[in-house]
Amino acid sequence: MTTLLFRQLSHCGSSPYNASLCHAALIWADADMTDNPTDTATCAVPTAPLKNRLYCMVYEAMLLFGVVFIAGWLFSTLLQQRHALALRHAQQVWQFIVLGVYFGWFWTHGGQTLAMKTWRVRVVTRAGEALSWPRALLRYLLAWLWFLPGLVLAWWLEARGSMLLLLPMLNAVLWALTSRLDPDRQFLHDRIAGTRLVLGAAAKDPLEGKPISDQSNPQT
């Protein structure tokens, strides 16, 4: 759009016809920037490097052991679970909900979990704003595509031994490579959810339009 604008302006002269063309080009450029504020916001904050994002995922997985352990302990205690296989599917649903609440709360309150703060990664919308709960939950569901297809394939092939680990790992590697296909170097689930992983930049409160500091919580 900018290139076309400069080409048009380069042909401006003193004639009324050229002046009219230049005036129309300026109006069109102003309307385009007004209708597409996302382009400006996307370029304003740099994308978090792939290295930071992958290290953040490893650290996040370590922290999630504690979250899953506490959630499992509460489930077993409250429902008097006597055997590991008893109420197994109910506990899986419970863990799925707990993880959704965990990520949803942090993503809507500052855009960072503890692991994301450590590696200076923040999740925001394409416009640079804080995530709403519906968008955060959509991103959470889409993030399961990192591993779920590989796990389903392993189950369908009745994989045993090392294949149970290799197939989900291959799934994760292929999913990470989707960032190479995106101009902004975002993962596919972020592109679909309308979110970005940026490098430690403050998100904007969707209600007030002001940056959210690391110490404050946005209104939801």
N, C-alpha and C. Protein backbone atom coordinates (compact mmCIF):
# COMPACT_ATOMS: atom_id res chain seq x y z
N MET A 1 0.83 -1.20 0.00
CA MET A 1 0.00 0.00 0.00
C MET A 1 0.87 1.24 0.00
N THR A 2 1.93 1.29 0.83
CA THR A 2 2.82 2.45 0.92
C THR A 2 3.55 2.65 -0.40
N THR A 3 3.98 1.55 -1.04
CA THR A 3 4.70 1.65 -2.31
C THR A 3 3.83 2.27 -3.38
N LEU A 4 2.58 1.82 -3.46
CA LEU A 4 1.65 2.39 -4.43
C LEU A 4 1.40 3.86 -4.18
N LEU A 5 1.34 4.23 -2.92
CA LEU A 5 1.10 5.63 -2.57
C LEU A 5 2.24 6.50 -3.05
N PHE A 6 3.49 6.06 -2.80
CA PHE A 6 4.63 6.86 -3.21
C PHE A 6 4.75 6.94 -4.73
N ARG A 7 4.38 5.85 -5.42
CA ARG A 7 4.38 5.89 -6.87
C ARG A 7 3.39 6.93 -7.38
N GLN A 8 2.23 6.97 -6.75
CA GLN A 8 1.21 7.94 -7.16
C GLN A 8 1.69 9.36 -6.90
N LEU A 9 2.28 9.58 -5.73
CA LEU A 9 2.73 10.93 -5.38
C LEU A 9 3.89 11.38 -6.26
N SER A 10 4.69 10.42 -6.75
CA SER A 10 5.83 10.78 -7.58
C SER A 10 5.40 11.37 -8.92
N HIS A 11 4.16 11.11 -9.34
CA HIS A 11 3.65 11.62 -10.60
C HIS A 11 2.85 12.91 -10.42
N CYS A 12 2.84 13.41 -9.21
CA CYS A 12 2.07 14.63 -8.97
C CYS A 12 2.74 15.81 -9.67
N GLY A 13 1.96 16.63 -10.23
CA GLY A 13 2.47 17.82 -10.89
C GLY A 13 1.60 19.00 -10.55
N SER A 14 1.72 20.00 -11.38
CA SER A 14 0.96 21.22 -11.11
C SER A 14 -0.41 21.22 -11.76
N SER A 15 -0.67 20.24 -12.63
CA SER A 15 -1.95 20.24 -13.32
C SER A 15 -3.07 19.86 -12.36
N PRO A 16 -4.28 20.36 -12.59
CA PRO A 16 -5.42 20.01 -11.73
C PRO A 16 -5.71 18.53 -11.72
N TYR A 17 -5.49 17.87 -12.85
CA TYR A 17 -5.78 16.43 -12.93
C TYR A 17 -4.86 15.65 -12.00
N ASN A 18 -3.56 15.95 -12.05
CA ASN A 18 -2.61 15.25 -11.17
C ASN A 18 -2.86 15.59 -9.71
N ALA A 19 -3.21 16.82 -9.45
CA ALA A 19 -3.48 17.20 -8.07
C ALA A 19 -4.67 16.43 -7.52
N SER A 20 -5.67 16.20 -8.37
CA SER A 20 -6.84 15.44 -7.94
C SER A 20 -6.47 14.00 -7.65
N LEU A 21 -5.60 13.43 -8.49
CA LEU A 21 -5.17 12.05 -8.26
C LEU A 21 -4.41 11.92 -6.95
N CYS A 22 -3.53 12.87 -6.68
CA CYS A 22 -2.76 12.83 -5.44
C CYS A 22 -3.67 12.96 -4.23
N HIS A 23 -4.64 13.85 -4.33
CA HIS A 23 -5.58 14.03 -3.22
C HIS A 23 -6.35 12.74 -2.96
N ALA A 24 -6.78 12.07 -4.04
CA ALA A 24 -7.51 10.81 -3.89
C ALA A 24 -6.63 9.73 -3.29
N ALA A 25 -5.35 9.71 -3.68
CA ALA A 25 -4.43 8.70 -3.13
C ALA A 25 -4.24 8.89 -1.63
N LEU A 26 -4.13 10.14 -1.19
CA LEU A 26 -3.95 10.41 0.23
C LEU A 26 -5.20 10.00 1.02
N ILE A 27 -6.38 10.28 0.47
CA ILE A 27 -7.62 9.89 1.15
C ILE A 27 -7.71 8.37 1.26
N TRP A 28 -7.33 7.66 0.18
CA TRP A 28 -7.39 6.20 0.17
C TRP A 28 -6.43 5.61 1.19
N ALA A 29 -5.21 6.19 1.28
CA ALA A 29 -4.22 5.69 2.24
C ALA A 29 -4.69 5.91 3.66
N ASP A 30 -5.29 7.09 3.93
CA ASP A 30 -5.76 7.36 5.29
C ASP A 30 -6.89 6.42 5.67
N ALA A 31 -7.80 6.13 4.72
CA ALA A 31 -8.90 5.22 5.00
C ALA A 31 -8.39 3.81 5.21
N ASP A 32 -7.37 3.40 4.48
CA ASP A 32 -6.84 2.05 4.61
C ASP A 32 -6.20 1.85 5.97
N MET A 33 -5.46 2.86 6.45
CA MET A 33 -4.83 2.74 7.77
C MET A 33 -5.87 2.78 8.88
N THR A 34 -6.97 3.51 8.64
CA THR A 34 -8.03 3.57 9.64
C THR A 34 -8.78 2.25 9.73
N ASP A 35 -9.02 1.61 8.57
CA ASP A 35 -9.77 0.36 8.54
C ASP A 35 -8.92 -0.83 8.95
N ASN A 36 -7.60 -0.69 8.89
CA ASN A 36 -6.71 -1.81 9.20
C ASN A 36 -5.69 -1.41 10.25
N PRO A 37 -6.13 -1.07 11.47
CA PRO A 37 -5.18 -0.69 12.52
C PRO A 37 -4.31 -1.85 12.95
N THR A 38 -4.71 -3.08 12.62
CA THR A 38 -3.94 -4.24 13.04
C THR A 38 -2.56 -4.25 12.42
N ASP A 39 -2.45 -3.77 11.16
CA ASP A 39 -1.16 -3.77 10.49
C ASP A 39 -0.16 -2.92 11.25
N THR A 40 -0.59 -1.74 11.71
CA THR A 40 0.30 -0.87 12.45
C THR A 40 0.67 -1.50 13.79
N ALA A 41 -0.32 -2.08 14.48
CA ALA A 41 -0.06 -2.68 15.79
C ALA A 41 0.85 -3.89 15.66
N THR A 42 0.68 -4.65 14.57
CA THR A 42 1.49 -5.85 14.39
C THR A 42 2.95 -5.51 14.24
N CYS A 43 3.24 -4.42 13.52
CA CYS A 43 4.63 -4.04 13.29
C CYS A 43 5.23 -3.31 14.47
N ALA A 44 4.38 -2.78 15.37
CA ALA A 44 4.88 -1.95 16.45
C ALA A 44 5.65 -2.76 17.48
N VAL A 45 5.23 -3.97 17.77
CA VAL A 45 5.86 -4.79 18.80
C VAL A 45 6.51 -6.00 18.13
N PRO A 46 7.80 -6.23 18.38
CA PRO A 46 8.48 -7.35 17.71
C PRO A 46 7.97 -8.71 18.18
N THR A 47 7.97 -9.66 17.27
CA THR A 47 7.59 -11.03 17.59
C THR A 47 8.65 -11.67 18.47
N ALA A 48 8.22 -12.43 19.46
CA ALA A 48 9.17 -13.14 20.32
C ALA A 48 9.96 -14.14 19.48
N PRO A 49 11.28 -14.22 19.66
CA PRO A 49 12.09 -15.17 18.89
C PRO A 49 11.63 -16.61 19.13
N LEU A 50 11.79 -17.45 18.12
CA LEU A 50 11.38 -18.84 18.24
C LEU A 50 12.11 -19.53 19.39
N LYS A 51 13.37 -19.18 19.60
CA LYS A 51 14.14 -19.76 20.69
C LYS A 51 13.49 -19.47 22.03
N ASN A 52 13.09 -18.23 22.26
CA ASN A 52 12.44 -17.87 23.51
C ASN A 52 11.15 -18.63 23.70
N ARG A 53 10.39 -18.79 22.63
CA ARG A 53 9.09 -19.47 22.73
C ARG A 53 9.26 -20.95 23.05
N LEU A 54 10.25 -21.60 22.45
CA LEU A 54 10.46 -23.02 22.70
C LEU A 54 11.01 -23.26 24.11
N TYR A 55 11.94 -22.42 24.55
CA TYR A 55 12.45 -22.53 25.92
C TYR A 55 11.32 -22.29 26.92
N CYS A 56 10.44 -21.35 26.58
CA CYS A 56 9.30 -21.06 27.45
C CYS A 56 8.40 -22.28 27.58
N MET A 57 8.20 -23.00 26.49
CA MET A 57 7.36 -24.20 26.52
C MET A 57 7.95 -25.28 27.41
N VAL A 58 9.27 -25.46 27.34
CA VAL A 58 9.93 -26.47 28.18
C VAL A 58 9.77 -26.11 29.66
N TYR A 59 10.02 -24.85 29.99
CA TYR A 59 9.88 -24.40 31.37
C TYR A 59 8.43 -24.50 31.83
N GLU A 60 7.50 -24.17 30.94
CA GLU A 60 6.08 -24.26 31.28
C GLU A 60 5.69 -25.70 31.59
N ALA A 61 6.22 -26.65 30.82
CA ALA A 61 5.90 -28.06 31.06
C ALA A 61 6.37 -28.49 32.44
N MET A 62 7.52 -27.99 32.87
CA MET A 62 8.01 -28.33 34.21
C MET A 62 7.09 -27.77 35.29
N LEU A 63 6.65 -26.54 35.11
CA LEU A 63 5.76 -25.93 36.09
C LEU A 63 4.39 -26.61 36.14
N LEU A 64 3.96 -27.13 35.00
CA LEU A 64 2.64 -27.76 34.94
C LEU A 64 2.59 -29.07 35.72
N PHE A 65 3.76 -29.67 35.97
CA PHE A 65 3.76 -30.87 36.81
C PHE A 65 3.14 -30.56 38.18
N GLY A 66 3.49 -29.41 38.73
CA GLY A 66 2.93 -29.01 40.02
C GLY A 66 1.45 -28.74 39.93
N VAL A 67 1.01 -28.06 38.86
CA VAL A 67 -0.41 -27.76 38.69
C VAL A 67 -1.22 -29.05 38.56
N VAL A 68 -0.73 -29.97 37.74
CA VAL A 68 -1.44 -31.23 37.52
C VAL A 68 -1.45 -32.07 38.80
N PHE A 69 -0.34 -32.05 39.54
CA PHE A 69 -0.27 -32.83 40.78
C PHE A 69 -1.29 -32.33 41.80
N ILE A 70 -1.34 -31.02 41.99
CA ILE A 70 -2.29 -30.44 42.97
C ILE A 70 -3.73 -30.70 42.53
N ALA A 71 -4.00 -30.53 41.24
CA ALA A 71 -5.36 -30.78 40.74
C ALA A 71 -5.74 -32.24 40.92
N GLY A 72 -4.81 -33.15 40.66
CA GLY A 72 -5.09 -34.58 40.84
C GLY A 72 -5.30 -34.94 42.30
N TRP A 73 -4.51 -34.32 43.17
CA TRP A 73 -4.66 -34.59 44.62
C TRP A 73 -6.03 -34.12 45.12
N LEU A 74 -6.44 -32.93 44.67
CA LEU A 74 -7.76 -32.43 45.08
C LEU A 74 -8.87 -33.34 44.57
N PHE A 75 -8.76 -33.79 43.33
CA PHE A 75 -9.77 -34.67 42.77
C PHE A 75 -9.86 -35.98 43.54
N SER A 76 -8.71 -36.59 43.81
CA SER A 76 -8.69 -37.87 44.52
C SER A 76 -9.20 -37.74 45.94
N THR A 77 -8.87 -36.63 46.60
CA THR A 77 -9.27 -36.43 47.99
C THR A 77 -10.77 -36.16 48.10
N LEU A 78 -11.26 -35.27 47.26
CA LEU A 78 -12.66 -34.88 47.36
C LEU A 78 -13.60 -36.01 46.95
N LEU A 79 -13.20 -36.82 45.98
CA LEU A 79 -14.06 -37.90 45.49
C LEU A 79 -13.68 -39.27 46.07
N GLN A 80 -12.72 -39.26 47.01
CA GLN A 80 -12.32 -40.50 47.67
C GLN A 80 -11.92 -41.59 46.65
N GLN A 81 -11.06 -41.20 45.73
CA GLN A 81 -10.61 -42.14 44.70
C GLN A 81 -9.69 -43.19 45.33
N ARG A 82 -10.08 -44.45 45.26
CA ARG A 82 -9.33 -45.54 45.90
C ARG A 82 -8.35 -46.22 44.95
N HIS A 83 -8.56 -46.05 43.66
CA HIS A 83 -7.73 -46.73 42.68
C HIS A 83 -7.41 -45.76 41.55
N ALA A 84 -6.22 -45.91 40.97
CA ALA A 84 -5.78 -44.96 39.94
C ALA A 84 -6.67 -45.00 38.71
N LEU A 85 -7.25 -46.17 38.41
CA LEU A 85 -8.09 -46.30 37.23
C LEU A 85 -9.55 -45.92 37.50
N ALA A 86 -9.90 -45.78 38.76
CA ALA A 86 -11.27 -45.38 39.09
C ALA A 86 -11.48 -43.91 38.72
N LEU A 87 -12.59 -43.64 38.07
CA LEU A 87 -12.94 -42.27 37.65
C LEU A 87 -11.83 -41.65 36.78
N ARG A 88 -11.15 -42.48 36.00
CA ARG A 88 -10.02 -42.00 35.22
C ARG A 88 -10.43 -40.94 34.21
N HIS A 89 -11.52 -41.21 33.49
CA HIS A 89 -11.95 -40.25 32.46
C HIS A 89 -12.47 -38.96 33.09
N ALA A 90 -13.13 -39.07 34.23
CA ALA A 90 -13.60 -37.87 34.92
C ALA A 90 -12.42 -37.02 35.37
N GLN A 91 -11.36 -37.67 35.83
CA GLN A 91 -10.18 -36.91 36.25
C GLN A 91 -9.49 -36.26 35.06
N GLN A 92 -9.50 -36.90 33.89
CA GLN A 92 -8.91 -36.29 32.71
C GLN A 92 -9.67 -35.03 32.31
N VAL A 93 -11.00 -35.10 32.39
CA VAL A 93 -11.80 -33.92 32.10
C VAL A 93 -11.51 -32.81 33.11
N TRP A 94 -11.38 -33.20 34.37
CA TRP A 94 -11.06 -32.24 35.43
C TRP A 94 -9.72 -31.55 35.17
N GLN A 95 -8.70 -32.34 34.81
CA GLN A 95 -7.38 -31.78 34.54
C GLN A 95 -7.44 -30.85 33.33
N PHE A 96 -8.20 -31.23 32.32
CA PHE A 96 -8.35 -30.40 31.13
C PHE A 96 -8.96 -29.04 31.49
N ILE A 97 -9.97 -29.04 32.36
CA ILE A 97 -10.60 -27.79 32.78
C ILE A 97 -9.64 -26.96 33.62
N VAL A 98 -8.93 -27.60 34.53
CA VAL A 98 -7.97 -26.89 35.39
C VAL A 98 -6.92 -26.18 34.56
N LEU A 99 -6.36 -26.89 33.57
CA LEU A 99 -5.33 -26.28 32.72
C LEU A 99 -5.91 -25.12 31.91
N GLY A 100 -7.16 -25.26 31.45
CA GLY A 100 -7.80 -24.18 30.72
C GLY A 100 -7.96 -22.93 31.58
N VAL A 101 -8.38 -23.13 32.83
CA VAL A 101 -8.52 -22.00 33.76
C VAL A 101 -7.16 -21.39 34.07
N TYR A 102 -6.16 -22.24 34.26
CA TYR A 102 -4.79 -21.78 34.56
C TYR A 102 -4.28 -20.86 33.45
N PHE A 103 -4.29 -21.35 32.22
CA PHE A 103 -3.78 -20.54 31.12
C PHE A 103 -4.69 -19.35 30.83
N GLY A 104 -6.00 -19.58 30.87
CA GLY A 104 -6.92 -18.49 30.59
C GLY A 104 -6.75 -17.33 31.55
N TRP A 105 -6.56 -17.63 32.84
CA TRP A 105 -6.43 -16.54 33.81
C TRP A 105 -5.17 -15.73 33.57
N PHE A 106 -4.04 -16.41 33.35
CA PHE A 106 -2.79 -15.69 33.13
C PHE A 106 -2.80 -14.92 31.81
N TRP A 107 -3.38 -15.51 30.77
CA TRP A 107 -3.39 -14.83 29.47
C TRP A 107 -4.30 -13.62 29.48
N THR A 108 -5.34 -13.62 30.30
CA THR A 108 -6.23 -12.47 30.37
C THR A 108 -5.82 -11.47 31.44
N HIS A 109 -4.82 -11.81 32.26
CA HIS A 109 -4.35 -10.92 33.32
C HIS A 109 -2.85 -10.65 33.11
N GLY A 110 -2.56 -9.85 32.11
CA GLY A 110 -1.18 -9.48 31.84
C GLY A 110 -0.56 -10.20 30.66
N GLY A 111 -1.18 -11.31 30.22
CA GLY A 111 -0.70 -12.02 29.04
C GLY A 111 0.51 -12.89 29.25
N GLN A 112 0.88 -13.19 30.51
CA GLN A 112 2.08 -13.97 30.77
C GLN A 112 1.89 -14.93 31.93
N THR A 113 2.30 -16.18 31.73
CA THR A 113 2.47 -17.11 32.84
C THR A 113 3.85 -16.87 33.43
N LEU A 114 4.20 -17.59 34.48
CA LEU A 114 5.53 -17.42 35.09
C LEU A 114 6.62 -17.76 34.09
N ALA A 115 6.42 -18.83 33.33
CA ALA A 115 7.42 -19.21 32.32
C ALA A 115 7.54 -18.15 31.24
N MET A 116 6.44 -17.55 30.85
CA MET A 116 6.47 -16.52 29.83
C MET A 116 7.17 -15.26 30.33
N LYS A 117 6.99 -14.94 31.62
CA LYS A 117 7.70 -13.79 32.19
C LYS A 117 9.21 -14.04 32.21
N THR A 118 9.59 -15.28 32.52
CA THR A 118 11.02 -15.61 32.59
C THR A 118 11.70 -15.41 31.25
N TRP A 119 11.02 -15.81 30.18
CA TRP A 119 11.60 -15.73 28.84
C TRP A 119 11.10 -14.54 28.04
N ARG A 120 10.48 -13.57 28.73
CA ARG A 120 10.05 -12.32 28.11
C ARG A 120 9.16 -12.55 26.90
N VAL A 121 8.16 -13.38 27.09
CA VAL A 121 7.18 -13.66 26.04
C VAL A 121 5.81 -13.24 26.55
N ARG A 122 5.06 -12.54 25.73
CA ARG A 122 3.71 -12.10 26.12
C ARG A 122 2.75 -12.39 24.98
N VAL A 123 1.55 -12.84 25.32
CA VAL A 123 0.53 -13.09 24.31
C VAL A 123 -0.45 -11.93 24.29
N VAL A 124 -0.69 -11.40 23.09
CA VAL A 124 -1.62 -10.30 22.90
C VAL A 124 -2.46 -10.60 21.66
N THR A 125 -3.45 -9.79 21.41
CA THR A 125 -4.23 -9.93 20.19
C THR A 125 -3.45 -9.35 19.02
N ARG A 126 -3.97 -9.51 17.81
CA ARG A 126 -3.31 -8.95 16.63
C ARG A 126 -3.23 -7.43 16.72
N ALA A 127 -4.15 -6.81 17.46
CA ALA A 127 -4.14 -5.36 17.63
C ALA A 127 -3.31 -4.92 18.82
N GLY A 128 -2.64 -5.87 19.50
CA GLY A 128 -1.79 -5.52 20.63
C GLY A 128 -2.53 -5.36 21.94
N GLU A 129 -3.76 -5.85 22.02
CA GLU A 129 -4.55 -5.71 23.23
C GLU A 129 -4.52 -6.99 24.06
N ALA A 130 -4.97 -6.87 25.31
CA ALA A 130 -5.05 -8.04 26.19
C ALA A 130 -6.13 -8.99 25.69
N LEU A 131 -5.93 -10.27 25.94
CA LEU A 131 -6.87 -11.29 25.49
C LEU A 131 -8.14 -11.27 26.33
N SER A 132 -9.28 -11.48 25.69
CA SER A 132 -10.53 -11.71 26.40
C SER A 132 -10.61 -13.20 26.74
N TRP A 133 -11.52 -13.55 27.63
CA TRP A 133 -11.67 -14.96 28.00
C TRP A 133 -12.04 -15.85 26.81
N PRO A 134 -12.98 -15.45 25.96
CA PRO A 134 -13.29 -16.32 24.80
C PRO A 134 -12.08 -16.56 23.90
N ARG A 135 -11.28 -15.52 23.65
CA ARG A 135 -10.12 -15.68 22.79
C ARG A 135 -9.05 -16.53 23.48
N ALA A 136 -8.89 -16.34 24.80
CA ALA A 136 -7.91 -17.13 25.53
C ALA A 136 -8.28 -18.61 25.51
N LEU A 137 -9.57 -18.91 25.70
CA LEU A 137 -10.00 -20.31 25.68
C LEU A 137 -9.88 -20.90 24.28
N LEU A 138 -10.13 -20.09 23.24
CA LEU A 138 -9.94 -20.58 21.87
C LEU A 138 -8.48 -20.91 21.64
N ARG A 139 -7.59 -20.07 22.10
CA ARG A 139 -6.16 -20.34 21.94
C ARG A 139 -5.75 -21.59 22.70
N TYR A 140 -6.32 -21.77 23.88
CA TYR A 140 -6.01 -22.96 24.68
C TYR A 140 -6.43 -24.23 23.95
N LEU A 141 -7.62 -24.23 23.37
CA LEU A 141 -8.09 -25.41 22.64
C LEU A 141 -7.23 -25.68 21.41
N LEU A 142 -6.89 -24.63 20.68
CA LEU A 142 -6.07 -24.81 19.48
C LEU A 142 -4.65 -25.25 19.82
N ALA A 143 -4.15 -24.86 21.00
CA ALA A 143 -2.79 -25.23 21.39
C ALA A 143 -2.63 -26.74 21.56
N TRP A 144 -3.72 -27.46 21.78
CA TRP A 144 -3.65 -28.91 21.90
C TRP A 144 -3.25 -29.56 20.59
N LEU A 145 -3.33 -28.82 19.50
CA LEU A 145 -2.92 -29.38 18.20
C LEU A 145 -1.41 -29.59 18.12
N TRP A 146 -0.67 -29.07 19.11
CA TRP A 146 0.77 -29.36 19.20
C TRP A 146 1.00 -30.86 19.36
N PHE A 147 0.12 -31.54 20.10
CA PHE A 147 0.36 -32.94 20.45
C PHE A 147 -0.80 -33.88 20.11
N LEU A 148 -2.02 -33.36 20.12
CA LEU A 148 -3.19 -34.24 19.99
C LEU A 148 -3.20 -35.07 18.70
N PRO A 149 -2.92 -34.49 17.53
CA PRO A 149 -2.91 -35.34 16.33
C PRO A 149 -1.91 -36.49 16.41
N GLY A 150 -0.73 -36.23 16.99
CA GLY A 150 0.26 -37.29 17.15
C GLY A 150 -0.20 -38.38 18.10
N LEU A 151 -0.88 -37.99 19.18
CA LEU A 151 -1.40 -38.97 20.12
C LEU A 151 -2.51 -39.81 19.51
N VAL A 152 -3.38 -39.15 18.73
CA VAL A 152 -4.45 -39.88 18.06
C VAL A 152 -3.87 -40.85 17.03
N LEU A 153 -2.85 -40.41 16.30
CA LEU A 153 -2.21 -41.29 15.33
C LEU A 153 -1.55 -42.49 16.02
N ALA A 154 -0.91 -42.24 17.15
CA ALA A 154 -0.28 -43.34 17.89
C ALA A 154 -1.33 -44.34 18.38
N TRP A 155 -2.47 -43.83 18.82
CA TRP A 155 -3.55 -44.72 19.27
C TRP A 155 -4.12 -45.52 18.10
N TRP A 156 -4.30 -44.85 16.95
CA TRP A 156 -4.88 -45.51 15.77
C TRP A 156 -3.94 -46.59 15.23
N LEU A 157 -2.63 -46.33 15.28
CA LEU A 157 -1.64 -47.31 14.80
C LEU A 157 -1.29 -48.34 15.86
N GLU A 158 -1.88 -48.17 17.06
CA GLU A 158 -1.56 -49.05 18.18
C GLU A 158 -0.06 -49.09 18.42
N ALA A 159 0.53 -47.90 18.46
CA ALA A 159 1.97 -47.77 18.62
C ALA A 159 2.41 -48.28 19.99
N ARG A 160 3.61 -48.80 20.03
CA ARG A 160 4.18 -49.32 21.27
C ARG A 160 5.60 -48.77 21.43
N GLY A 161 6.05 -48.76 22.68
CA GLY A 161 7.44 -48.40 22.96
C GLY A 161 7.78 -46.97 22.56
N SER A 162 8.89 -46.82 21.83
CA SER A 162 9.40 -45.49 21.49
C SER A 162 8.46 -44.74 20.55
N MET A 163 7.65 -45.45 19.79
CA MET A 163 6.73 -44.78 18.86
C MET A 163 5.70 -43.93 19.59
N LEU A 164 5.36 -44.31 20.82
CA LEU A 164 4.43 -43.53 21.60
C LEU A 164 4.99 -42.14 21.90
N LEU A 165 6.31 -42.03 21.92
CA LEU A 165 6.96 -40.75 22.17
C LEU A 165 7.33 -40.04 20.87
N LEU A 166 7.74 -40.80 19.87
CA LEU A 166 8.21 -40.20 18.63
C LEU A 166 7.10 -39.52 17.83
N LEU A 167 5.92 -40.13 17.79
CA LEU A 167 4.84 -39.54 17.01
C LEU A 167 4.38 -38.19 17.55
N PRO A 168 4.13 -38.05 18.87
CA PRO A 168 3.80 -36.71 19.38
C PRO A 168 4.94 -35.71 19.21
N MET A 169 6.20 -36.17 19.33
CA MET A 169 7.33 -35.27 19.13
C MET A 169 7.40 -34.79 17.68
N LEU A 170 7.16 -35.69 16.74
CA LEU A 170 7.13 -35.29 15.33
C LEU A 170 6.00 -34.31 15.07
N ASN A 171 4.86 -34.53 15.70
CA ASN A 171 3.74 -33.60 15.61
C ASN A 171 4.16 -32.22 16.09
N ALA A 172 4.85 -32.14 17.23
CA ALA A 172 5.28 -30.86 17.79
C ALA A 172 6.28 -30.15 16.88
N VAL A 173 7.20 -30.91 16.30
CA VAL A 173 8.21 -30.32 15.41
C VAL A 173 7.53 -29.73 14.17
N LEU A 174 6.63 -30.48 13.57
CA LEU A 174 5.93 -29.99 12.39
C LEU A 174 5.09 -28.75 12.70
N TRP A 175 4.47 -28.76 13.88
CA TRP A 175 3.67 -27.60 14.27
C TRP A 175 4.55 -26.37 14.48
N ALA A 176 5.73 -26.56 15.08
CA ALA A 176 6.66 -25.45 15.27
C ALA A 176 7.11 -24.87 13.94
N LEU A 177 7.25 -25.71 12.93
CA LEU A 177 7.69 -25.26 11.61
C LEU A 177 6.64 -24.42 10.91
N THR A 178 5.39 -24.47 11.39
CA THR A 178 4.37 -23.64 10.76
C THR A 178 4.66 -22.15 10.93
N SER A 179 5.49 -21.81 11.92
CA SER A 179 5.84 -20.40 12.11
C SER A 179 6.66 -19.88 10.93
N ARG A 180 7.34 -20.77 10.21
CA ARG A 180 8.13 -20.36 9.05
C ARG A 180 7.25 -19.99 7.87
N LEU A 181 6.01 -20.40 7.89
CA LEU A 181 5.10 -20.09 6.80
C LEU A 181 4.34 -18.80 7.04
N ASP A 182 4.48 -18.23 8.24
CA ASP A 182 3.74 -17.03 8.60
C ASP A 182 4.64 -15.81 8.46
N PRO A 183 4.19 -14.74 7.82
CA PRO A 183 5.03 -13.54 7.68
C PRO A 183 5.46 -12.94 9.00
N ASP A 184 4.64 -13.10 10.04
CA ASP A 184 4.94 -12.56 11.36
C ASP A 184 5.62 -13.59 12.25
N ARG A 185 5.91 -14.78 11.68
CA ARG A 185 6.58 -15.87 12.41
C ARG A 185 5.76 -16.34 13.62
N GLN A 186 4.44 -16.32 13.49
CA GLN A 186 3.57 -16.82 14.54
C GLN A 186 3.19 -18.27 14.25
N PHE A 187 2.92 -19.02 15.31
CA PHE A 187 2.47 -20.40 15.14
C PHE A 187 1.07 -20.41 14.54
N LEU A 188 0.71 -21.56 13.96
CA LEU A 188 -0.58 -21.65 13.26
C LEU A 188 -1.75 -21.41 14.20
N HIS A 189 -1.68 -21.93 15.44
CA HIS A 189 -2.82 -21.73 16.35
C HIS A 189 -2.96 -20.27 16.75
N ASP A 190 -1.85 -19.52 16.80
CA ASP A 190 -1.95 -18.09 17.08
C ASP A 190 -2.56 -17.35 15.91
N ARG A 191 -2.20 -17.75 14.70
CA ARG A 191 -2.78 -17.12 13.51
C ARG A 191 -4.29 -17.35 13.47
N ILE A 192 -4.73 -18.58 13.79
CA ILE A 192 -6.16 -18.89 13.75
C ILE A 192 -6.90 -18.16 14.88
N ALA A 193 -6.29 -18.11 16.06
CA ALA A 193 -6.94 -17.49 17.22
C ALA A 193 -6.87 -15.97 17.18
N GLY A 194 -6.09 -15.40 16.26
CA GLY A 194 -5.96 -13.95 16.19
C GLY A 194 -5.09 -13.39 17.29
N THR A 195 -4.06 -14.14 17.70
CA THR A 195 -3.16 -13.71 18.77
C THR A 195 -1.73 -13.65 18.26
N ARG A 196 -0.87 -13.01 19.05
CA ARG A 196 0.56 -12.91 18.74
C ARG A 196 1.37 -13.17 20.00
N LEU A 197 2.53 -13.76 19.83
CA LEU A 197 3.51 -13.88 20.91
C LEU A 197 4.58 -12.84 20.66
N VAL A 198 4.63 -11.84 21.53
CA VAL A 198 5.54 -10.73 21.33
C VAL A 198 6.63 -10.75 22.40
N LEU A 199 7.64 -9.93 22.19
CA LEU A 199 8.80 -9.92 23.07
C LEU A 199 8.62 -8.92 24.19
N GLY A 200 8.04 -9.36 25.29
CA GLY A 200 7.97 -8.58 26.52
C GLY A 200 7.34 -7.22 26.39
N ALA A 201 6.48 -6.99 25.41
CA ALA A 201 5.83 -5.70 25.26
C ALA A 201 4.50 -5.70 26.01
N ALA A 202 4.18 -4.58 26.63
CA ALA A 202 2.95 -4.50 27.41
C ALA A 202 1.74 -4.52 26.50
N ALA A 203 0.75 -5.28 26.90
CA ALA A 203 -0.52 -5.28 26.17
C ALA A 203 -1.34 -4.07 26.58
N LYS A 204 -2.40 -3.79 25.83
CA LYS A 204 -3.28 -2.67 26.13
C LYS A 204 -4.59 -3.18 26.69
N ASP A 205 -5.07 -2.49 27.71
CA ASP A 205 -6.35 -2.84 28.29
C ASP A 205 -7.43 -2.62 27.25
N PRO A 206 -8.27 -3.63 26.95
CA PRO A 206 -9.29 -3.46 25.92
C PRO A 206 -10.35 -2.43 26.27
N LEU A 207 -10.50 -2.10 27.56
CA LEU A 207 -11.51 -1.13 27.97
C LEU A 207 -10.96 0.29 27.99
N GLU A 208 -9.70 0.45 28.44
CA GLU A 208 -9.12 1.77 28.59
C GLU A 208 -8.14 2.12 27.48
N GLY A 209 -7.63 1.11 26.78
CA GLY A 209 -6.68 1.36 25.71
C GLY A 209 -5.30 1.76 26.20
N LYS A 210 -5.01 1.56 27.50
CA LYS A 210 -3.73 1.92 28.08
C LYS A 210 -2.87 0.67 28.25
N PRO A 211 -1.52 0.83 28.17
CA PRO A 211 -0.66 -0.34 28.36
C PRO A 211 -0.83 -0.94 29.74
N ILE A 212 -0.70 -2.26 29.81
CA ILE A 212 -0.80 -2.99 31.07
C ILE A 212 0.61 -3.28 31.57
N SER A 213 0.95 -2.80 32.73
CA SER A 213 2.28 -3.08 33.27
C SER A 213 2.31 -4.47 33.84
N ASP A 214 3.52 -4.95 34.16
CA ASP A 214 3.66 -6.30 34.71
C ASP A 214 3.01 -6.43 36.08
N GLN A 215 2.82 -5.29 36.77
CA GLN A 215 2.28 -5.36 38.13
C GLN A 215 0.77 -5.23 38.15
N SER A 216 0.16 -4.80 37.06
CA SER A 216 -1.28 -4.55 37.08
C SER A 216 -2.03 -5.65 36.39
N ASN A 217 -3.32 -5.74 36.69
CA ASN A 217 -4.20 -6.70 36.06
C ASN A 217 -5.21 -5.97 35.19
N PRO A 218 -5.41 -6.40 33.94
CA PRO A 218 -6.39 -5.75 33.11
C PRO A 218 -7.79 -6.08 33.56
N GLN A 219 -8.72 -5.22 33.22
CA GLN A 219 -10.12 -5.50 33.51
C GLN A 219 -10.62 -6.49 32.49
N THR A 220 -11.44 -7.43 32.93
CA THR A 220 -11.94 -8.45 32.02
C THR A 220 -13.45 -8.40 32.00
